[in-house]
Amino acid sequence: MKQTILSRNRNYSARVQLLLDSLSSYSEEQLNKKPADGGWTPIQILHHLAMSEELSLAYTRKKMGFSSDFEENNLAARVRSLLLRISLHLPVRYAAPPAIDTDKLPAFSTFAETRAKWEQARAAWTQFFEQMPDALANKLVYKHPRAGRVTWLQMLSFFNTHMERHRKQIYRQGL
């Protein structure tokens, strides 16, 4: 199971790199330009994605410091994960959790800073998974703000779906 987690994490990291590489040819002005609807700039979207991973890992580490007794994967977690993925494919706008909402995003940032921030988050997750005890591989440790506790594979599936949703948002802005 742990090898599957490591493999999926590598695949997700590769998708993050593809997105970052696809944006590297745009100017700082283009990446920091507010869309007509007043939403987030492409750079802000990237920061939102990186911060969601950073804060997820911080919460997970904190939770693991208090407890080592976590539930095994179960039907309820699989259903919650499925509903979360479906909801992210719907053309509905969701409010971001307060910790990663608009007021926490930079008004301006360089692409290099933004890329480094997300790559650091990815590297931290990779290190976490590599060092994670095998016994935690199928446990419900990660807690999504809306879906509740899910497994690592379900979390990576969420990260992937979340990134895809925001990738589309970036390119709808005319990049």
N, C-alpha and C. Protein backbone atom coordinates (compact mmCIF):
# COMPACT_ATOMS: atom_id res chain seq x y z
N MET A 1 0.82 -1.20 0.00
CA MET A 1 0.00 0.00 0.00
C MET A 1 0.87 1.27 0.00
N LYS A 2 1.93 1.26 0.81
CA LYS A 2 2.78 2.45 0.87
C LYS A 2 3.42 2.72 -0.50
N GLN A 3 3.80 1.67 -1.21
CA GLN A 3 4.40 1.86 -2.54
C GLN A 3 3.39 2.50 -3.50
N THR A 4 2.13 2.15 -3.36
CA THR A 4 1.08 2.76 -4.19
C THR A 4 0.97 4.24 -3.87
N ILE A 5 1.02 4.58 -2.60
CA ILE A 5 0.96 5.99 -2.18
C ILE A 5 2.14 6.75 -2.77
N LEU A 6 3.33 6.18 -2.64
CA LEU A 6 4.52 6.84 -3.19
C LEU A 6 4.42 7.02 -4.70
N SER A 7 3.91 6.03 -5.38
CA SER A 7 3.73 6.10 -6.84
C SER A 7 2.71 7.17 -7.22
N ARG A 8 1.59 7.20 -6.54
CA ARG A 8 0.57 8.22 -6.84
C ARG A 8 1.08 9.62 -6.51
N ASN A 9 1.86 9.72 -5.44
CA ASN A 9 2.44 11.02 -5.09
C ASN A 9 3.41 11.48 -6.18
N ARG A 10 4.22 10.56 -6.71
CA ARG A 10 5.13 10.90 -7.82
C ARG A 10 4.33 11.35 -9.04
N ASN A 11 3.26 10.64 -9.35
CA ASN A 11 2.43 11.00 -10.50
C ASN A 11 1.82 12.39 -10.31
N TYR A 12 1.31 12.65 -9.11
CA TYR A 12 0.73 13.97 -8.84
C TYR A 12 1.81 15.05 -8.94
N SER A 13 2.98 14.80 -8.37
CA SER A 13 4.08 15.78 -8.45
C SER A 13 4.45 16.06 -9.90
N ALA A 14 4.43 15.04 -10.73
CA ALA A 14 4.73 15.23 -12.15
C ALA A 14 3.68 16.12 -12.80
N ARG A 15 2.42 15.95 -12.42
CA ARG A 15 1.35 16.80 -12.97
C ARG A 15 1.51 18.24 -12.51
N VAL A 16 1.93 18.43 -11.26
CA VAL A 16 2.20 19.78 -10.76
C VAL A 16 3.31 20.40 -11.60
N GLN A 17 4.38 19.64 -11.86
CA GLN A 17 5.48 20.17 -12.66
C GLN A 17 5.03 20.52 -14.08
N LEU A 18 4.17 19.71 -14.65
CA LEU A 18 3.64 20.02 -15.99
C LEU A 18 2.88 21.35 -15.98
N LEU A 19 2.06 21.55 -14.97
CA LEU A 19 1.33 22.82 -14.88
C LEU A 19 2.30 23.98 -14.72
N LEU A 20 3.25 23.83 -13.81
CA LEU A 20 4.22 24.91 -13.60
C LEU A 20 5.02 25.18 -14.87
N ASP A 21 5.47 24.12 -15.53
CA ASP A 21 6.22 24.30 -16.78
C ASP A 21 5.38 25.00 -17.84
N SER A 22 4.10 24.67 -17.90
CA SER A 22 3.23 25.29 -18.92
C SER A 22 3.02 26.77 -18.66
N LEU A 23 3.21 27.19 -17.42
CA LEU A 23 3.01 28.61 -17.08
C LEU A 23 4.32 29.40 -17.09
N SER A 24 5.44 28.73 -17.19
CA SER A 24 6.73 29.40 -17.06
C SER A 24 7.04 30.38 -18.17
N SER A 25 6.38 30.27 -19.31
CA SER A 25 6.67 31.18 -20.42
C SER A 25 5.86 32.48 -20.35
N TYR A 26 4.96 32.58 -19.40
CA TYR A 26 4.15 33.79 -19.28
C TYR A 26 4.88 34.83 -18.44
N SER A 27 4.58 36.10 -18.70
CA SER A 27 5.23 37.18 -17.97
C SER A 27 4.64 37.31 -16.57
N GLU A 28 5.40 37.98 -15.71
CA GLU A 28 4.90 38.25 -14.34
C GLU A 28 3.61 39.06 -14.41
N GLU A 29 3.55 39.97 -15.38
CA GLU A 29 2.35 40.80 -15.55
C GLU A 29 1.14 39.92 -15.88
N GLN A 30 1.31 38.99 -16.81
CA GLN A 30 0.20 38.11 -17.19
C GLN A 30 -0.24 37.23 -16.01
N LEU A 31 0.73 36.72 -15.28
CA LEU A 31 0.41 35.80 -14.18
C LEU A 31 -0.17 36.51 -12.95
N ASN A 32 0.04 37.82 -12.87
CA ASN A 32 -0.48 38.59 -11.74
C ASN A 32 -1.68 39.46 -12.12
N LYS A 33 -2.20 39.26 -13.34
CA LYS A 33 -3.32 40.07 -13.81
C LYS A 33 -4.65 39.53 -13.27
N LYS A 34 -5.42 40.44 -12.65
CA LYS A 34 -6.74 40.09 -12.13
C LYS A 34 -7.68 39.81 -13.29
N PRO A 35 -8.47 38.75 -13.19
CA PRO A 35 -9.46 38.50 -14.24
C PRO A 35 -10.59 39.52 -14.18
N ALA A 36 -11.32 39.61 -15.25
CA ALA A 36 -12.41 40.59 -15.35
C ALA A 36 -13.46 40.40 -14.26
N ASP A 37 -13.66 39.15 -13.83
CA ASP A 37 -14.68 38.90 -12.81
C ASP A 37 -14.19 39.20 -11.40
N GLY A 38 -12.94 39.68 -11.27
CA GLY A 38 -12.41 40.05 -9.97
C GLY A 38 -11.89 38.87 -9.17
N GLY A 39 -11.82 37.70 -9.76
CA GLY A 39 -11.34 36.51 -9.06
C GLY A 39 -9.84 36.54 -8.84
N TRP A 40 -9.29 35.39 -8.56
CA TRP A 40 -7.87 35.28 -8.29
C TRP A 40 -7.05 35.32 -9.57
N THR A 41 -5.85 35.87 -9.44
CA THR A 41 -4.89 35.85 -10.54
C THR A 41 -4.32 34.43 -10.65
N PRO A 42 -3.71 34.10 -11.78
CA PRO A 42 -3.08 32.78 -11.87
C PRO A 42 -2.07 32.52 -10.75
N ILE A 43 -1.28 33.53 -10.40
CA ILE A 43 -0.31 33.37 -9.30
C ILE A 43 -1.04 33.10 -7.98
N GLN A 44 -2.13 33.79 -7.74
CA GLN A 44 -2.89 33.56 -6.51
C GLN A 44 -3.46 32.15 -6.48
N ILE A 45 -3.90 31.65 -7.61
CA ILE A 45 -4.42 30.29 -7.68
C ILE A 45 -3.31 29.30 -7.33
N LEU A 46 -2.11 29.52 -7.88
CA LEU A 46 -0.99 28.63 -7.56
C LEU A 46 -0.64 28.69 -6.08
N HIS A 47 -0.68 29.88 -5.51
CA HIS A 47 -0.43 30.02 -4.06
C HIS A 47 -1.51 29.29 -3.27
N HIS A 48 -2.74 29.41 -3.68
CA HIS A 48 -3.84 28.71 -3.01
C HIS A 48 -3.59 27.20 -3.00
N LEU A 49 -3.19 26.66 -4.14
CA LEU A 49 -2.92 25.23 -4.24
C LEU A 49 -1.74 24.82 -3.35
N ALA A 50 -0.68 25.61 -3.39
CA ALA A 50 0.50 25.30 -2.56
C ALA A 50 0.16 25.39 -1.08
N MET A 51 -0.57 26.43 -0.71
CA MET A 51 -0.94 26.61 0.70
C MET A 51 -1.86 25.50 1.17
N SER A 52 -2.74 25.03 0.31
CA SER A 52 -3.63 23.95 0.73
C SER A 52 -2.82 22.70 1.07
N GLU A 53 -1.76 22.46 0.32
CA GLU A 53 -0.90 21.31 0.62
C GLU A 53 -0.05 21.55 1.86
N GLU A 54 0.51 22.76 1.99
CA GLU A 54 1.32 23.08 3.17
C GLU A 54 0.51 22.94 4.46
N LEU A 55 -0.67 23.54 4.47
CA LEU A 55 -1.50 23.51 5.67
C LEU A 55 -2.04 22.11 5.95
N SER A 56 -2.29 21.35 4.91
CA SER A 56 -2.73 19.96 5.08
C SER A 56 -1.64 19.14 5.78
N LEU A 57 -0.41 19.34 5.36
CA LEU A 57 0.69 18.60 5.97
C LEU A 57 0.91 19.07 7.40
N ALA A 58 0.84 20.36 7.64
CA ALA A 58 1.01 20.87 9.01
C ALA A 58 -0.05 20.29 9.93
N TYR A 59 -1.29 20.29 9.48
CA TYR A 59 -2.38 19.72 10.29
C TYR A 59 -2.14 18.23 10.53
N THR A 60 -1.74 17.51 9.49
CA THR A 60 -1.52 16.07 9.61
C THR A 60 -0.42 15.78 10.63
N ARG A 61 0.68 16.52 10.53
CA ARG A 61 1.78 16.31 11.49
C ARG A 61 1.33 16.61 12.90
N LYS A 62 0.56 17.69 13.06
CA LYS A 62 0.06 18.05 14.39
C LYS A 62 -0.84 16.94 14.93
N LYS A 63 -1.74 16.47 14.11
CA LYS A 63 -2.68 15.42 14.52
C LYS A 63 -1.93 14.15 14.90
N MET A 64 -0.93 13.81 14.12
CA MET A 64 -0.15 12.60 14.40
C MET A 64 0.66 12.75 15.69
N GLY A 65 0.97 13.97 16.09
CA GLY A 65 1.68 14.21 17.34
C GLY A 65 0.81 13.96 18.56
N PHE A 66 -0.50 14.07 18.39
CA PHE A 66 -1.43 13.88 19.50
C PHE A 66 -1.97 12.46 19.58
N SER A 67 -2.00 11.78 18.46
CA SER A 67 -2.64 10.47 18.43
C SER A 67 -1.94 9.55 17.44
N SER A 68 -1.97 8.29 17.73
CA SER A 68 -1.45 7.30 16.79
C SER A 68 -2.52 6.25 16.49
N ASP A 69 -3.72 6.50 16.99
CA ASP A 69 -4.82 5.56 16.81
C ASP A 69 -5.81 6.14 15.79
N PHE A 70 -5.69 5.70 14.55
CA PHE A 70 -6.54 6.20 13.48
C PHE A 70 -7.37 5.07 12.90
N GLU A 71 -8.56 5.43 12.44
CA GLU A 71 -9.45 4.44 11.85
C GLU A 71 -8.87 3.91 10.53
N GLU A 72 -9.25 2.68 10.23
CA GLU A 72 -8.94 2.10 8.92
C GLU A 72 -9.89 2.71 7.89
N ASN A 73 -9.50 2.64 6.63
CA ASN A 73 -10.37 3.07 5.54
C ASN A 73 -11.71 2.32 5.66
N ASN A 74 -12.78 3.01 5.34
CA ASN A 74 -14.10 2.39 5.45
C ASN A 74 -15.02 2.95 4.37
N LEU A 75 -16.20 2.41 4.29
CA LEU A 75 -17.17 2.82 3.27
C LEU A 75 -17.51 4.30 3.37
N ALA A 76 -17.70 4.80 4.58
CA ALA A 76 -18.04 6.22 4.75
C ALA A 76 -16.96 7.12 4.16
N ALA A 77 -15.70 6.80 4.40
CA ALA A 77 -14.60 7.61 3.85
C ALA A 77 -14.57 7.53 2.33
N ARG A 78 -14.83 6.35 1.78
CA ARG A 78 -14.84 6.20 0.31
C ARG A 78 -15.98 7.03 -0.30
N VAL A 79 -17.12 7.05 0.36
CA VAL A 79 -18.26 7.82 -0.14
C VAL A 79 -17.96 9.31 -0.04
N ARG A 80 -17.41 9.75 1.09
CA ARG A 80 -17.06 11.17 1.26
C ARG A 80 -16.05 11.61 0.20
N SER A 81 -15.07 10.77 -0.05
CA SER A 81 -14.05 11.09 -1.05
C SER A 81 -14.66 11.19 -2.44
N LEU A 82 -15.53 10.25 -2.76
CA LEU A 82 -16.20 10.27 -4.06
C LEU A 82 -17.05 11.53 -4.23
N LEU A 83 -17.82 11.86 -3.21
CA LEU A 83 -18.67 13.06 -3.27
C LEU A 83 -17.82 14.32 -3.41
N LEU A 84 -16.68 14.37 -2.74
CA LEU A 84 -15.79 15.52 -2.86
C LEU A 84 -15.28 15.65 -4.29
N ARG A 85 -14.83 14.54 -4.88
CA ARG A 85 -14.33 14.59 -6.26
C ARG A 85 -15.43 15.00 -7.23
N ILE A 86 -16.62 14.46 -7.03
CA ILE A 86 -17.75 14.83 -7.91
C ILE A 86 -18.04 16.32 -7.77
N SER A 87 -18.07 16.81 -6.53
CA SER A 87 -18.40 18.22 -6.31
C SER A 87 -17.40 19.15 -7.00
N LEU A 88 -16.13 18.73 -7.07
CA LEU A 88 -15.12 19.57 -7.71
C LEU A 88 -15.24 19.58 -9.23
N HIS A 89 -15.99 18.64 -9.77
CA HIS A 89 -16.22 18.62 -11.22
C HIS A 89 -17.47 19.42 -11.61
N LEU A 90 -18.25 19.81 -10.63
CA LEU A 90 -19.47 20.57 -10.92
C LEU A 90 -19.13 22.03 -11.20
N PRO A 91 -19.91 22.69 -12.03
CA PRO A 91 -19.65 24.10 -12.34
C PRO A 91 -20.20 25.03 -11.24
N VAL A 92 -19.83 24.72 -10.02
CA VAL A 92 -20.30 25.49 -8.86
C VAL A 92 -19.08 26.13 -8.22
N ARG A 93 -19.24 27.37 -7.80
CA ARG A 93 -18.14 28.07 -7.15
C ARG A 93 -18.23 27.83 -5.65
N TYR A 94 -17.12 27.42 -5.05
CA TYR A 94 -17.06 27.15 -3.62
C TYR A 94 -16.17 28.18 -2.94
N ALA A 95 -16.55 28.54 -1.73
CA ALA A 95 -15.70 29.43 -0.94
C ALA A 95 -14.52 28.62 -0.42
N ALA A 96 -13.34 29.19 -0.52
CA ALA A 96 -12.15 28.52 0.01
C ALA A 96 -12.19 28.58 1.53
N PRO A 97 -11.60 27.60 2.18
CA PRO A 97 -11.49 27.68 3.65
C PRO A 97 -10.76 28.97 4.03
N PRO A 98 -11.11 29.57 5.15
CA PRO A 98 -10.51 30.86 5.54
C PRO A 98 -8.98 30.89 5.55
N ALA A 99 -8.34 29.80 5.89
CA ALA A 99 -6.87 29.77 5.98
C ALA A 99 -6.19 29.91 4.63
N ILE A 100 -6.93 29.66 3.54
CA ILE A 100 -6.33 29.76 2.19
C ILE A 100 -7.20 30.58 1.26
N ASP A 101 -7.94 31.52 1.83
CA ASP A 101 -8.83 32.36 1.04
C ASP A 101 -8.09 33.63 0.59
N THR A 102 -8.80 34.48 -0.10
CA THR A 102 -8.25 35.66 -0.76
C THR A 102 -7.34 36.50 0.13
N ASP A 103 -7.73 36.77 1.36
CA ASP A 103 -6.92 37.65 2.21
C ASP A 103 -5.59 37.02 2.63
N LYS A 104 -5.42 35.73 2.39
CA LYS A 104 -4.15 35.05 2.71
C LYS A 104 -3.24 34.93 1.47
N LEU A 105 -3.75 35.33 0.33
CA LEU A 105 -3.00 35.21 -0.92
C LEU A 105 -2.25 36.51 -1.21
N PRO A 106 -1.08 36.43 -1.82
CA PRO A 106 -0.33 37.65 -2.12
C PRO A 106 -1.01 38.47 -3.23
N ALA A 107 -0.94 39.78 -3.09
CA ALA A 107 -1.46 40.65 -4.15
C ALA A 107 -0.58 40.54 -5.39
N PHE A 108 0.71 40.31 -5.18
CA PHE A 108 1.66 40.13 -6.27
C PHE A 108 2.73 39.16 -5.79
N SER A 109 3.18 38.31 -6.67
CA SER A 109 4.30 37.42 -6.39
C SER A 109 4.96 37.06 -7.71
N THR A 110 6.23 36.73 -7.63
CA THR A 110 6.91 36.30 -8.84
C THR A 110 6.59 34.83 -9.09
N PHE A 111 6.75 34.43 -10.34
CA PHE A 111 6.53 33.03 -10.68
C PHE A 111 7.58 32.16 -9.99
N ALA A 112 8.82 32.64 -9.93
CA ALA A 112 9.89 31.85 -9.30
C ALA A 112 9.58 31.59 -7.82
N GLU A 113 9.13 32.61 -7.11
CA GLU A 113 8.77 32.44 -5.69
C GLU A 113 7.61 31.46 -5.54
N THR A 114 6.64 31.61 -6.40
CA THR A 114 5.44 30.78 -6.34
C THR A 114 5.78 29.32 -6.66
N ARG A 115 6.57 29.14 -7.69
CA ARG A 115 6.98 27.79 -8.06
C ARG A 115 7.76 27.13 -6.92
N ALA A 116 8.69 27.88 -6.33
CA ALA A 116 9.50 27.34 -5.23
C ALA A 116 8.62 26.96 -4.05
N LYS A 117 7.62 27.77 -3.76
CA LYS A 117 6.70 27.48 -2.65
C LYS A 117 5.99 26.15 -2.87
N TRP A 118 5.45 25.95 -4.06
CA TRP A 118 4.72 24.71 -4.33
C TRP A 118 5.66 23.52 -4.39
N GLU A 119 6.84 23.72 -4.99
CA GLU A 119 7.80 22.62 -5.05
C GLU A 119 8.26 22.21 -3.66
N GLN A 120 8.38 23.17 -2.75
CA GLN A 120 8.73 22.85 -1.35
C GLN A 120 7.62 22.03 -0.71
N ALA A 121 6.39 22.40 -0.95
CA ALA A 121 5.26 21.64 -0.40
C ALA A 121 5.27 20.22 -0.93
N ARG A 122 5.52 20.06 -2.22
CA ARG A 122 5.57 18.73 -2.82
C ARG A 122 6.71 17.91 -2.23
N ALA A 123 7.86 18.54 -2.08
CA ALA A 123 9.02 17.84 -1.51
C ALA A 123 8.74 17.41 -0.07
N ALA A 124 8.06 18.26 0.69
CA ALA A 124 7.73 17.93 2.08
C ALA A 124 6.78 16.73 2.14
N TRP A 125 5.78 16.71 1.24
CA TRP A 125 4.87 15.56 1.21
C TRP A 125 5.62 14.29 0.80
N THR A 126 6.51 14.40 -0.16
CA THR A 126 7.28 13.23 -0.59
C THR A 126 8.10 12.69 0.57
N GLN A 127 8.77 13.56 1.28
CA GLN A 127 9.57 13.14 2.43
C GLN A 127 8.67 12.51 3.50
N PHE A 128 7.53 13.11 3.74
CA PHE A 128 6.59 12.57 4.72
C PHE A 128 6.18 11.15 4.35
N PHE A 129 5.78 10.95 3.10
CA PHE A 129 5.34 9.62 2.66
C PHE A 129 6.48 8.60 2.73
N GLU A 130 7.68 9.02 2.37
CA GLU A 130 8.82 8.10 2.41
C GLU A 130 9.12 7.65 3.84
N GLN A 131 8.93 8.54 4.81
CA GLN A 131 9.23 8.24 6.20
C GLN A 131 8.03 7.69 6.98
N MET A 132 6.87 7.76 6.40
CA MET A 132 5.64 7.34 7.07
C MET A 132 5.69 5.84 7.39
N PRO A 133 5.31 5.48 8.61
CA PRO A 133 5.24 4.05 8.93
C PRO A 133 4.23 3.33 8.04
N ASP A 134 4.56 2.13 7.62
CA ASP A 134 3.67 1.33 6.78
C ASP A 134 2.29 1.16 7.41
N ALA A 135 2.25 1.11 8.73
CA ALA A 135 0.99 0.88 9.44
C ALA A 135 -0.03 2.00 9.20
N LEU A 136 0.43 3.16 8.76
CA LEU A 136 -0.49 4.29 8.52
C LEU A 136 -0.99 4.35 7.08
N ALA A 137 -0.56 3.45 6.24
CA ALA A 137 -0.84 3.53 4.81
C ALA A 137 -2.33 3.53 4.46
N ASN A 138 -3.14 2.84 5.20
CA ASN A 138 -4.57 2.78 4.88
C ASN A 138 -5.44 3.37 5.99
N LYS A 139 -4.85 4.27 6.75
CA LYS A 139 -5.57 4.89 7.86
C LYS A 139 -6.17 6.23 7.44
N LEU A 140 -7.20 6.63 8.18
CA LEU A 140 -7.87 7.91 7.94
C LEU A 140 -7.20 8.98 8.81
N VAL A 141 -6.09 9.51 8.33
CA VAL A 141 -5.34 10.51 9.09
C VAL A 141 -5.62 11.91 8.56
N TYR A 142 -5.56 12.08 7.24
CA TYR A 142 -5.79 13.39 6.63
C TYR A 142 -7.25 13.79 6.79
N LYS A 143 -7.46 15.05 7.18
CA LYS A 143 -8.83 15.54 7.35
C LYS A 143 -9.07 16.70 6.38
N HIS A 144 -9.93 16.47 5.40
CA HIS A 144 -10.32 17.52 4.48
C HIS A 144 -11.31 18.43 5.20
N PRO A 145 -11.24 19.75 4.98
CA PRO A 145 -12.13 20.68 5.70
C PRO A 145 -13.62 20.40 5.51
N ARG A 146 -14.01 19.86 4.38
CA ARG A 146 -15.44 19.60 4.15
C ARG A 146 -15.79 18.11 4.12
N ALA A 147 -14.89 17.29 3.65
CA ALA A 147 -15.19 15.86 3.49
C ALA A 147 -14.84 15.03 4.71
N GLY A 148 -14.07 15.58 5.62
CA GLY A 148 -13.68 14.81 6.80
C GLY A 148 -12.48 13.93 6.53
N ARG A 149 -12.32 12.92 7.35
CA ARG A 149 -11.13 12.06 7.28
C ARG A 149 -11.17 11.11 6.09
N VAL A 150 -10.03 11.09 5.38
CA VAL A 150 -9.88 10.21 4.23
C VAL A 150 -8.47 9.62 4.26
N THR A 151 -8.23 8.62 3.41
CA THR A 151 -6.91 7.99 3.32
C THR A 151 -5.95 8.87 2.53
N TRP A 152 -4.69 8.46 2.53
CA TRP A 152 -3.68 9.19 1.75
C TRP A 152 -3.98 9.15 0.26
N LEU A 153 -4.41 8.00 -0.24
CA LEU A 153 -4.73 7.90 -1.66
C LEU A 153 -5.92 8.78 -2.00
N GLN A 154 -6.90 8.84 -1.12
CA GLN A 154 -8.06 9.70 -1.34
C GLN A 154 -7.64 11.17 -1.26
N MET A 155 -6.70 11.49 -0.38
CA MET A 155 -6.18 12.85 -0.28
C MET A 155 -5.47 13.23 -1.58
N LEU A 156 -4.62 12.34 -2.07
CA LEU A 156 -3.91 12.62 -3.32
C LEU A 156 -4.89 12.77 -4.49
N SER A 157 -5.94 12.00 -4.47
CA SER A 157 -6.98 12.13 -5.49
C SER A 157 -7.63 13.51 -5.39
N PHE A 158 -7.90 13.96 -4.17
CA PHE A 158 -8.44 15.30 -3.98
C PHE A 158 -7.46 16.35 -4.49
N PHE A 159 -6.18 16.25 -4.09
CA PHE A 159 -5.19 17.23 -4.55
C PHE A 159 -5.19 17.30 -6.07
N ASN A 160 -5.24 16.16 -6.72
CA ASN A 160 -5.22 16.10 -8.18
C ASN A 160 -6.46 16.76 -8.78
N THR A 161 -7.62 16.42 -8.25
CA THR A 161 -8.88 16.98 -8.76
C THR A 161 -8.94 18.48 -8.48
N HIS A 162 -8.47 18.89 -7.31
CA HIS A 162 -8.43 20.30 -6.93
C HIS A 162 -7.53 21.08 -7.88
N MET A 163 -6.35 20.52 -8.16
CA MET A 163 -5.44 21.19 -9.09
C MET A 163 -6.05 21.28 -10.48
N GLU A 164 -6.69 20.21 -10.93
CA GLU A 164 -7.29 20.22 -12.27
C GLU A 164 -8.38 21.28 -12.37
N ARG A 165 -9.19 21.40 -11.34
CA ARG A 165 -10.24 22.43 -11.32
C ARG A 165 -9.62 23.82 -11.46
N HIS A 166 -8.56 24.07 -10.71
CA HIS A 166 -7.93 25.39 -10.76
C HIS A 166 -7.08 25.59 -12.02
N ARG A 167 -6.54 24.51 -12.59
CA ARG A 167 -5.83 24.63 -13.86
C ARG A 167 -6.78 25.15 -14.93
N LYS A 168 -7.98 24.59 -14.95
CA LYS A 168 -8.99 25.06 -15.91
C LYS A 168 -9.33 26.52 -15.65
N GLN A 169 -9.41 26.90 -14.39
CA GLN A 169 -9.71 28.29 -14.03
C GLN A 169 -8.62 29.22 -14.56
N ILE A 170 -7.37 28.82 -14.42
CA ILE A 170 -6.25 29.63 -14.91
C ILE A 170 -6.37 29.84 -16.42
N TYR A 171 -6.62 28.78 -17.16
CA TYR A 171 -6.65 28.88 -18.62
C TYR A 171 -7.94 29.52 -19.13
N ARG A 172 -8.99 29.52 -18.35
CA ARG A 172 -10.20 30.26 -18.75
C ARG A 172 -9.94 31.76 -18.72
N GLN A 173 -8.92 32.17 -18.00
CA GLN A 173 -8.61 33.59 -17.88
C GLN A 173 -7.84 34.12 -19.08
N GLY A 174 -7.64 33.29 -20.06
CA GLY A 174 -7.05 33.79 -21.30
C GLY A 174 -5.56 33.54 -21.44
N LEU A 175 -4.97 32.76 -20.58
CA LEU A 175 -3.53 32.45 -20.75
C LEU A 175 -3.36 31.44 -21.87
